[in-house]
C-alpha atoms as a PDB file:
ATOM      1  CA  MET A   1     -59.900 -15.172-169.807  1.00  0.00           C
ATOM      2  CA  SER A   2     -63.426 -13.523-169.315  1.00  0.00           C
ATOM      3  CA  GLU A   3     -63.591  -9.653-168.923  1.00  0.00           C
ATOM      4  CA  GLN A   4     -64.773 -10.102-165.507  1.00  0.00           C
ATOM      5  CA  HIS A   5     -60.952 -11.159-164.411  1.00  0.00           C
ATOM      6  CA  ALA A   6     -57.702  -9.291-165.040  1.00  0.00           C
ATOM      7  CA  SER A   7     -54.782 -10.933-167.045  1.00  0.00           C
ATOM      8  CA  ARG A   8     -51.891 -11.470-164.809  1.00  0.00           C
ATOM      9  CA  ILE A   9     -50.452  -9.266-162.332  1.00  0.00           C
ATOM     10  CA  ARG A  10     -46.364  -8.602-162.050  1.00  0.00           C
ATOM     11  CA  LYS A  11     -46.029  -8.468-157.890  1.00  0.00           C
ATOM     12  CA  ASN A  12     -42.240  -8.817-157.382  1.00  0.00           C
ATOM     13  CA  ILE A  13     -41.224  -5.573-159.053  1.00  0.00           C
ATOM     14  CA  GLU A  14     -37.564  -5.020-158.210  1.00  0.00           C
ATOM     15  CA  ASP A  15     -36.242  -1.681-157.445  1.00  0.00           C
ATOM     16  CA  TYR A  16     -32.708  -2.345-157.676  1.00  0.00           C
ATOM     17  CA  LYS A  17     -32.730  -1.586-161.333  1.00  0.00           C
ATOM     18  CA  ASP A  18     -34.505   1.796-161.186  1.00  0.00           C
ATOM     19  CA  PRO A  19     -31.789   4.686-161.354  1.00  0.00           C
ATOM     20  CA  TYR A  20     -34.036   7.084-159.123  1.00  0.00           C
ATOM     21  CA  ILE A  21     -33.796   4.886-156.474  1.00  0.00           C
ATOM     22  CA  PRO A  22     -30.831   6.444-154.285  1.00  0.00           C
ATOM     23  CA  LYS A  23     -28.423   4.183-152.997  1.00  0.00           C
ATOM     24  CA  ALA A  24     -28.432   3.847-148.753  1.00  0.00           C
ATOM     25  CA  ASP A  25     -26.443   6.616-146.869  1.00  0.00           C
ATOM     26  CA  GLY A  26     -27.418   5.455-143.529  1.00  0.00           C
ATOM     27  CA  GLY A  27     -28.485   9.452-142.577  1.00  0.00           C
ATOM     28  CA  ILE A  28     -31.486  11.426-142.490  1.00  0.00           C
ATOM     29  CA  SER A  29     -32.532  12.931-145.950  1.00  0.00           C
ATOM     30  CA  GLN A  30     -35.973  15.070-146.268  1.00  0.00           C
ATOM     31  CA  CYS A  31     -36.744  16.101-149.792  1.00  0.00           C
ATOM     32  CA  LYS A  32     -36.865  19.849-150.740  1.00  0.00           C
ATOM     33  CA  GLU A  33     -39.827  19.659-152.817  1.00  0.00           C
ATOM     34  CA  CYS A  34     -42.580  17.548-151.006  1.00  0.00           C
ATOM     35  CA  GLY A  35     -40.951  17.373-147.381  1.00  0.00           C
ATOM     36  CA  ALA A  36     -41.034  13.249-147.609  1.00  0.00           C
ATOM     37  CA  ILE A  37     -38.445  11.918-145.202  1.00  0.00           C
ATOM     38  CA  HIS A  38     -36.107   9.165-146.123  1.00  0.00           C
ATOM     39  CA  HIS A  39     -34.708   6.857-143.113  1.00  0.00           C
ATOM     40  CA  SER A  40     -33.506   3.457-142.404  1.00  0.00           C
ATOM     41  CA  HIS A  41     -34.264   2.275-146.264  1.00  0.00           C
ATOM     42  CA  ARG A  42     -37.474   3.846-145.950  1.00  0.00           C
ATOM     43  CA  TRP A  43     -39.494   7.058-146.930  1.00  0.00           C
ATOM     44  CA  TYR A  44     -41.747   8.537-144.944  1.00  0.00           C
ATOM     45  CA  LEU A  45     -44.547  11.399-144.706  1.00  0.00           C
ATOM     46  CA  PRO A  46     -43.736  13.741-142.229  1.00  0.00           C
ATOM     47  CA  GLU A  47     -46.649  13.606-140.435  1.00  0.00           C
ATOM     48  CA  SER A  48     -46.400   9.798-140.202  1.00  0.00           C
ATOM     49  CA  LEU A  49     -43.459  10.225-137.712  1.00  0.00           C
ATOM     50  CA  PRO A  50     -43.698  11.691-134.133  1.00  0.00           C
ATOM     51  CA  HIS A  51     -43.664  15.424-134.332  1.00  0.00           C
ATOM     52  CA  ASP A  52     -40.096  15.690-132.575  1.00  0.00           C
ATOM     53  CA  PHE A  53     -38.507  13.044-134.860  1.00  0.00           C
ATOM     54  CA  LEU A  54     -36.274  15.529-136.651  1.00  0.00           C
ATOM     55  CA  LYS A  55     -35.119  17.186-133.365  1.00  0.00           C
ATOM     56  CA  GLY A  56     -31.152  17.621-132.739  1.00  0.00           C
ATOM     57  CA  LYS A  57     -30.804  15.478-135.943  1.00  0.00           C
ATOM     58  CA  GLU A  58     -28.654  16.395-139.074  1.00  0.00           C
ATOM     59  CA  VAL A  59     -30.904  16.407-142.145  1.00  0.00           C
ATOM     60  CA  HIS A  60     -29.850  16.006-145.147  1.00  0.00           C
ATOM     61  CA  PRO A  61     -31.708  18.110-147.782  1.00  0.00           C
ATOM     62  CA  VAL A  62     -32.267  16.130-151.209  1.00  0.00           C
ATOM     63  CA  VAL A  63     -35.424  15.631-153.975  1.00  0.00           C
ATOM     64  CA  CYS A  64     -37.077  12.285-153.560  1.00  0.00           C
ATOM     65  CA  PRO A  65     -37.042   9.928-156.329  1.00  0.00           C
ATOM     66  CA  ALA A  66     -41.161  10.631-156.990  1.00  0.00           C
ATOM     67  CA  CYS A  67     -40.161  14.379-157.398  1.00  0.00           C
ATOM     68  CA  ARG A  68     -37.256  13.870-159.623  1.00  0.00           C
ATOM     69  CA  LYS A  69     -39.799  11.220-161.762  1.00  0.00           C
ATOM     70  CA  ILE A  70     -42.234  14.272-161.845  1.00  0.00           C
ATOM     71  CA  ALA A  71     -39.552  17.004-162.844  1.00  0.00           C
ATOM     72  CA  ASP A  72     -37.948  14.633-165.545  1.00  0.00           C
ATOM     73  CA  GLY A  73     -41.515  13.619-166.818  1.00  0.00           C
ATOM     74  CA  ILE A  74     -40.562  10.009-166.656  1.00  0.00           C
ATOM     75  CA  PRO A  75     -43.594   7.901-165.685  1.00  0.00           C
ATOM     76  CA  GLY A  76     -43.245   4.368-163.877  1.00  0.00           C
ATOM     77  CA  GLY A  77     -46.817   3.746-164.965  1.00  0.00           C
ATOM     78  CA  VAL A  78     -49.389   4.757-167.451  1.00  0.00           C
ATOM     79  CA  LEU A  79     -52.957   3.709-166.968  1.00  0.00           C
ATOM     80  CA  ARG A  80     -55.442   4.172-169.850  1.00  0.00           C
ATOM     81  CA  LEU A  81     -59.279   4.645-169.029  1.00  0.00           C
ATOM     82  CA  SER A  82     -61.831   4.208-171.791  1.00  0.00           C
ATOM     83  CA  GLY A  83     -65.355   3.448-173.052  1.00  0.00           C
ATOM     84  CA  GLU A  84     -68.498   4.890-172.845  1.00  0.00           C
ATOM     85  CA  PHE A  85     -68.643   3.883-169.020  1.00  0.00           C
ATOM     86  CA  LEU A  86     -65.892   6.509-168.462  1.00  0.00           C
ATOM     87  CA  GLN A  87     -67.676   9.151-170.418  1.00  0.00           C
ATOM     88  CA  GLN A  88     -71.244   8.604-168.043  1.00  0.00           C
ATOM     89  CA  HIS A  89     -69.236   8.257-164.854  1.00  0.00           C
ATOM     90  CA  ARG A  90     -65.813   9.974-165.015  1.00  0.00           C
ATOM     91  CA  GLU A  91     -65.813  12.375-161.803  1.00  0.00           C
ATOM     92  CA  ASP A  92     -66.830   8.880-159.731  1.00  0.00           C
ATOM     93  CA  ILE A  93     -64.067   7.129-161.417  1.00  0.00           C
ATOM     94  CA  LEU A  94     -61.594   9.813-161.310  1.00  0.00           C
ATOM     95  CA  ARG A  95     -62.785  10.415-157.149  1.00  0.00           C
ATOM     96  CA  LEU A  96     -61.952   6.467-156.872  1.00  0.00           C
ATOM     97  CA  ILE A  97     -58.544   7.428-158.465  1.00  0.00           C
ATOM     98  CA  ARG A  98     -57.575  10.172-156.006  1.00  0.00           C
ATOM     99  CA  ASN A  99     -58.775   8.142-153.013  1.00  0.00           C
ATOM    100  CA  GLU A 100     -56.676   5.004-153.901  1.00  0.00           C
ATOM    101  CA  GLU A 101     -53.487   7.661-154.438  1.00  0.00           C
ATOM    102  CA  ASN A 102     -53.837   8.882-151.071  1.00  0.00           C
ATOM    103  CA  ALA A 103     -54.507   5.708-149.560  1.00  0.00           C
ATOM    104  CA  ALA A 104     -51.049   4.476-151.595  1.00  0.00           C
ATOM    105  CA  ARG A 105     -49.360   7.587-150.709  1.00  0.00           C
ATOM    106  CA  LEU A 106     -49.562   6.506-146.594  1.00  0.00           C
ATOM    107  CA  ASP A 107     -47.902   3.245-147.497  1.00  0.00           C
ATOM    108  CA  ASN A 108     -45.139   4.944-149.662  1.00  0.00           C
ATOM    109  CA  PRO A 109     -44.723   8.690-150.587  1.00  0.00           C
ATOM    110  CA  LEU A 110     -43.040   7.722-153.357  1.00  0.00           C
ATOM    111  CA  GLU A 111     -46.390   6.645-154.941  1.00  0.00           C
ATOM    112  CA  ARG A 112     -47.900   9.619-156.962  1.00  0.00           C
ATOM    113  CA  ILE A 113     -50.234  10.528-159.782  1.00  0.00           C
ATOM    114  CA  MET A 114     -47.926  12.821-162.230  1.00  0.00           C
ATOM    115  CA  SER A 115     -50.733  13.764-164.607  1.00  0.00           C
ATOM    116  CA  ILE A 116     -54.476  12.883-165.727  1.00  0.00           C
ATOM    117  CA  GLU A 117     -54.677  13.727-169.045  1.00  0.00           C
ATOM    118  CA  GLU A 118     -57.263  13.667-171.863  1.00  0.00           C
ATOM    119  CA  ASP A 119     -56.554  11.543-174.995  1.00  0.00           C
ATOM    120  CA  GLY A 120     -59.071  11.153-177.811  1.00  0.00           C
ATOM    121  CA  GLY A 121     -62.071  10.246-175.238  1.00  0.00           C
ATOM    122  CA  ALA A 122     -59.407   8.299-173.004  1.00  0.00           C
ATOM    123  CA  THR A 123     -58.031   9.604-169.842  1.00  0.00           C
ATOM    124  CA  VAL A 124     -54.394   9.084-169.428  1.00  0.00           C
ATOM    125  CA  ILE A 125     -52.683   8.948-165.909  1.00  0.00           C
ATOM    126  CA  HIS A 126     -49.159   8.926-165.411  1.00  0.00           C
ATOM    127  CA  THR A 127     -47.864   7.708-162.007  1.00  0.00           C
ATOM    128  CA  THR A 128     -44.719   7.632-160.322  1.00  0.00           C
ATOM    129  CA  ASN A 129     -44.056   4.063-160.119  1.00  0.00           C
ATOM    130  CA  GLU A 130     -45.632   0.902-161.721  1.00  0.00           C
ATOM    131  CA  LYS A 131     -47.277  -0.734-158.525  1.00  0.00           C
ATOM    132  CA  LEU A 132     -49.458   2.605-158.322  1.00  0.00           C
ATOM    133  CA  ALA A 133     -50.328   2.038-162.090  1.00  0.00           C
ATOM    134  CA  GLN A 134     -51.608  -1.508-160.982  1.00  0.00           C
ATOM    135  CA  ARG A 135     -53.077  -0.714-158.178  1.00  0.00           C
ATOM    136  CA  LEU A 136     -55.399   2.049-159.402  1.00  0.00           C
ATOM    137  CA  GLY A 137     -56.394  -0.231-162.588  1.00  0.00           C
ATOM    138  CA  LYS A 138     -57.522  -2.747-160.353  1.00  0.00           C
ATOM    139  CA  ALA A 139     -59.413  -0.318-158.096  1.00  0.00           C
ATOM    140  CA  VAL A 140     -61.274   0.321-161.213  1.00  0.00           C
ATOM    141  CA  HIS A 141     -61.480  -2.742-162.445  1.00  0.00           C
ATOM    142  CA  LYS A 142     -62.980  -4.100-158.751  1.00  0.00           C
ATOM    143  CA  ALA A 143     -65.722  -1.287-158.611  1.00  0.00           C
ATOM    144  CA  TYR A 144     -66.962  -0.738-162.395  1.00  0.00           C
ATOM    145  CA  SER A 145     -65.582  -4.357-163.721  1.00  0.00           C
ATOM    146  CA  GLY A 146     -64.696  -4.007-167.522  1.00  0.00           C
ATOM    147  CA  LYS A 147     -61.450  -5.329-169.296  1.00  0.00           C
ATOM    148  CA  LEU A 148     -58.506  -4.700-167.585  1.00  0.00           C
ATOM    149  CA  ASP A 149     -54.723  -5.629-169.621  1.00  0.00           C
ATOM    150  CA  TYR A 150     -51.120  -5.391-168.355  1.00  0.00           C
ATOM    151  CA  LYS A 151     -48.360  -4.885-170.094  1.00  0.00           C
ATOM    152  CA  TRP A 152     -44.542  -4.370-168.950  1.00  0.00           C
ATOM    153  CA  SER A 153     -41.814  -2.923-170.684  1.00  0.00           C
ATOM    154  CA  GLU A 154     -38.713  -5.772-170.924  1.00  0.00           C
ATOM    155  CA  ASP A 155     -36.185  -3.146-170.794  1.00  0.00           C
ATOM    156  CA  THR A 156     -37.587  -0.278-168.412  1.00  0.00           C
ATOM    157  CA  LYS A 157     -38.952  -0.020-165.439  1.00  0.00           C
ATOM    158  CA  LEU A 158     -43.017   0.804-166.955  1.00  0.00           C
ATOM    159  CA  ALA A 159     -45.943  -0.818-166.742  1.00  0.00           C
ATOM    160  CA  ARG A 160     -48.850   0.063-169.172  1.00  0.00           C
ATOM    161  CA  ILE A 161     -52.199  -0.708-167.878  1.00  0.00           C
ATOM    162  CA  THR A 162     -55.704  -0.289-169.591  1.00  0.00           C
ATOM    163  CA  TRP A 163     -59.174  -0.627-168.569  1.00  0.00           C
ATOM    164  CA  HIS A 164     -61.877  -0.351-170.883  1.00  0.00           C
ATOM    165  CA  ARG A 165     -65.757  -0.880-170.636  1.00  0.00           C
ATOM    166  CA  GLU A 166     -68.578   0.474-172.983  1.00  0.00           C
END
């Protein structure tokens, strides 16, 4: 496969084996940390719901899976960016990554960047789930080409994505 095309992408990632995904309780919950609201088997940003959505309803305080993963330091995805091109265009690439995170979070508030660290000339981004790491890697590859590679752990829910361009 050429450097212009990414290797295979694992699309159907199952959440049922993720210990951070709560069991369905049927009620309304709100994260004490970030304010995300869980209702009908889905998480929402508070601003995406009608302003009076919670009015008169019993809301159970919880800590959402993303906030728990951040507190525990357990990433679902790791994106490693490297190469001379990264050094020359770091700010633009990080801006693209932040924009992609914001767009992903509108769809699913549990998709977040946990940390961005420098590691010997590379930039390493830890995400709360593997889907966001894939999305970020794909966005960087689409915008800047380079070499993109995906690897999944067989026994845990972890994706390792690498992007490199000289």
